[in-house]
Amino acid sequence: MEPVNQVRGHHFMLGVFKSQQNDPFCSTCSAFANTLKAARESLAKLEAEHAGVLTALSPDLGNLLAVTRSGLASLQDPPNPSGQKKAGNCKLPQGVCFIKASFSLVQQI
């Protein structure tokens, strides 16, 4: 995977998390909490594995990485998350989750 695209993908995920933290179901869902943790770990792994490449990014991409890093760190984990589908609250079709589908897309980049 191209590190630049991974930076862009993690920034995309930051936007998804920011948006869905205002959703009445996603904001309290265990999928949100688990995927946020996975995204933070994925970004840390990217930074560890590609430190040399990332330090040589253009100013715009370097800023994007910094905003993404601080943004993911500052997001609040849901207090007492629970599976909203299992609880019958989330009415998205079976196997569909805004958060998990978005992260899956990013992982394919």
Protein backbone atom coordinates (compact mmCIF):
# COMPACT_ATOMS: atom_id res chain seq x y z
CA MET A 1 0.00 0.00 0.00
CA GLU A 2 1.18 3.48 -0.83
CA PRO A 3 1.83 5.44 2.43
CA VAL A 4 0.40 8.65 0.94
CA ASN A 5 -2.89 6.90 0.19
CA GLN A 6 -2.89 5.41 3.67
CA VAL A 7 -2.55 8.90 5.16
CA ARG A 8 -5.45 10.07 3.01
CA GLY A 9 -7.50 7.02 4.00
CA HIS A 10 -6.94 7.60 7.71
CA HIS A 11 -7.94 11.23 7.26
CA PHE A 12 -11.11 10.02 5.53
CA MET A 13 -11.81 7.82 8.56
CA LEU A 14 -11.36 10.80 10.85
CA GLY A 15 -14.17 12.49 8.93
CA VAL A 16 -16.37 9.41 9.22
CA PHE A 17 -15.81 9.21 12.97
CA LYS A 18 -16.48 12.92 13.44
CA SER A 19 -19.70 12.63 11.48
CA GLN A 20 -20.95 9.46 13.11
CA GLN A 21 -20.16 10.55 16.66
CA ASN A 22 -23.29 12.71 16.28
CA ASP A 23 -25.41 9.77 15.10
CA PRO A 24 -27.71 8.47 17.85
CA PHE A 25 -26.81 4.84 17.17
CA CYS A 26 -23.24 4.87 15.83
CA SER A 27 -22.06 7.12 18.65
CA THR A 28 -22.86 4.49 21.27
CA CYS A 29 -22.07 1.38 19.24
CA SER A 30 -19.35 -1.12 19.99
CA ALA A 31 -18.49 -1.11 16.26
CA PHE A 32 -17.61 2.59 16.59
CA ALA A 33 -15.40 1.94 19.62
CA ASN A 34 -13.68 -1.11 18.13
CA THR A 35 -13.08 0.51 14.75
CA LEU A 36 -11.79 3.72 16.32
CA LYS A 37 -9.27 1.65 18.29
CA ALA A 38 -8.30 -0.25 15.13
CA ALA A 39 -7.89 3.00 13.15
CA ARG A 40 -5.64 4.47 15.85
CA GLU A 41 -3.54 1.29 15.88
CA SER A 42 -3.40 1.24 12.08
CA LEU A 43 -2.17 4.84 11.95
CA ALA A 44 0.48 4.12 14.59
CA LYS A 45 1.64 1.10 12.59
CA LEU A 46 1.79 3.19 9.41
CA GLU A 47 3.89 5.83 11.15
CA ALA A 48 6.24 3.22 12.62
CA GLU A 49 6.72 1.28 9.39
CA HIS A 50 7.05 4.28 7.06
CA ALA A 51 8.65 6.92 9.26
CA GLY A 52 11.22 7.89 6.65
CA VAL A 53 8.67 8.32 3.87
CA LEU A 54 6.27 10.21 6.11
CA THR A 55 8.87 12.72 7.28
CA ALA A 56 9.54 13.57 3.63
CA LEU A 57 5.89 14.31 2.80
CA SER A 58 4.96 17.58 1.16
CA PRO A 59 3.81 20.27 3.60
CA ASP A 60 0.18 19.70 2.65
CA LEU A 61 0.34 15.95 3.23
CA GLY A 62 2.42 16.38 6.36
CA ASN A 63 -0.26 18.68 7.73
CA LEU A 64 -2.94 16.17 6.76
CA LEU A 65 -1.09 13.50 8.73
CA ALA A 66 -0.72 15.77 11.77
CA VAL A 67 -4.42 16.71 11.69
CA THR A 68 -5.35 13.05 11.37
CA ARG A 69 -3.09 11.96 14.23
CA SER A 70 -4.39 14.63 16.61
CA GLY A 71 -7.97 14.21 15.45
CA LEU A 72 -8.10 10.47 16.01
CA ALA A 73 -6.45 10.91 19.41
CA SER A 74 -8.97 13.55 20.46
CA LEU A 75 -12.11 11.61 19.55
CA GLN A 76 -14.04 10.41 22.56
CA ASP A 77 -14.55 6.69 22.93
CA PRO A 78 -18.22 5.86 23.50
CA PRO A 79 -18.88 5.37 27.21
CA ASN A 80 -20.35 1.87 27.67
CA PRO A 81 -20.61 0.97 23.97
CA SER A 82 -23.02 -1.77 22.97
CA GLY A 83 -23.92 -3.51 19.73
CA GLN A 84 -26.71 -1.41 18.30
CA LYS A 85 -27.73 -4.04 15.73
CA LYS A 86 -27.92 -6.75 18.37
CA ALA A 87 -30.01 -4.42 20.51
CA GLY A 88 -32.39 -3.88 17.58
CA ASN A 89 -31.70 -0.15 17.37
CA CYS A 90 -29.70 0.05 14.13
CA LYS A 91 -32.00 -0.62 11.19
CA LEU A 92 -29.30 -0.82 8.52
CA PRO A 93 -29.45 -4.07 6.53
CA GLN A 94 -27.74 -7.12 7.97
CA GLY A 95 -23.99 -6.95 7.37
CA VAL A 96 -24.02 -3.20 6.69
CA CYS A 97 -22.32 -0.74 9.04
CA PHE A 98 -21.30 2.79 8.12
CA ILE A 99 -18.20 2.66 10.33
CA LYS A 100 -16.98 -0.84 9.51
CA ALA A 101 -17.67 -0.49 5.79
CA SER A 102 -15.69 2.75 5.66
CA PHE A 103 -12.73 1.23 7.49
CA SER A 104 -12.84 -1.81 5.22
CA LEU A 105 -12.58 0.51 2.23
CA VAL A 106 -9.55 2.24 3.73
CA GLN A 107 -7.87 -1.08 4.44
CA GLN A 108 -8.19 -2.03 0.76
CA ILE A 109 -6.22 1.00 -0.40
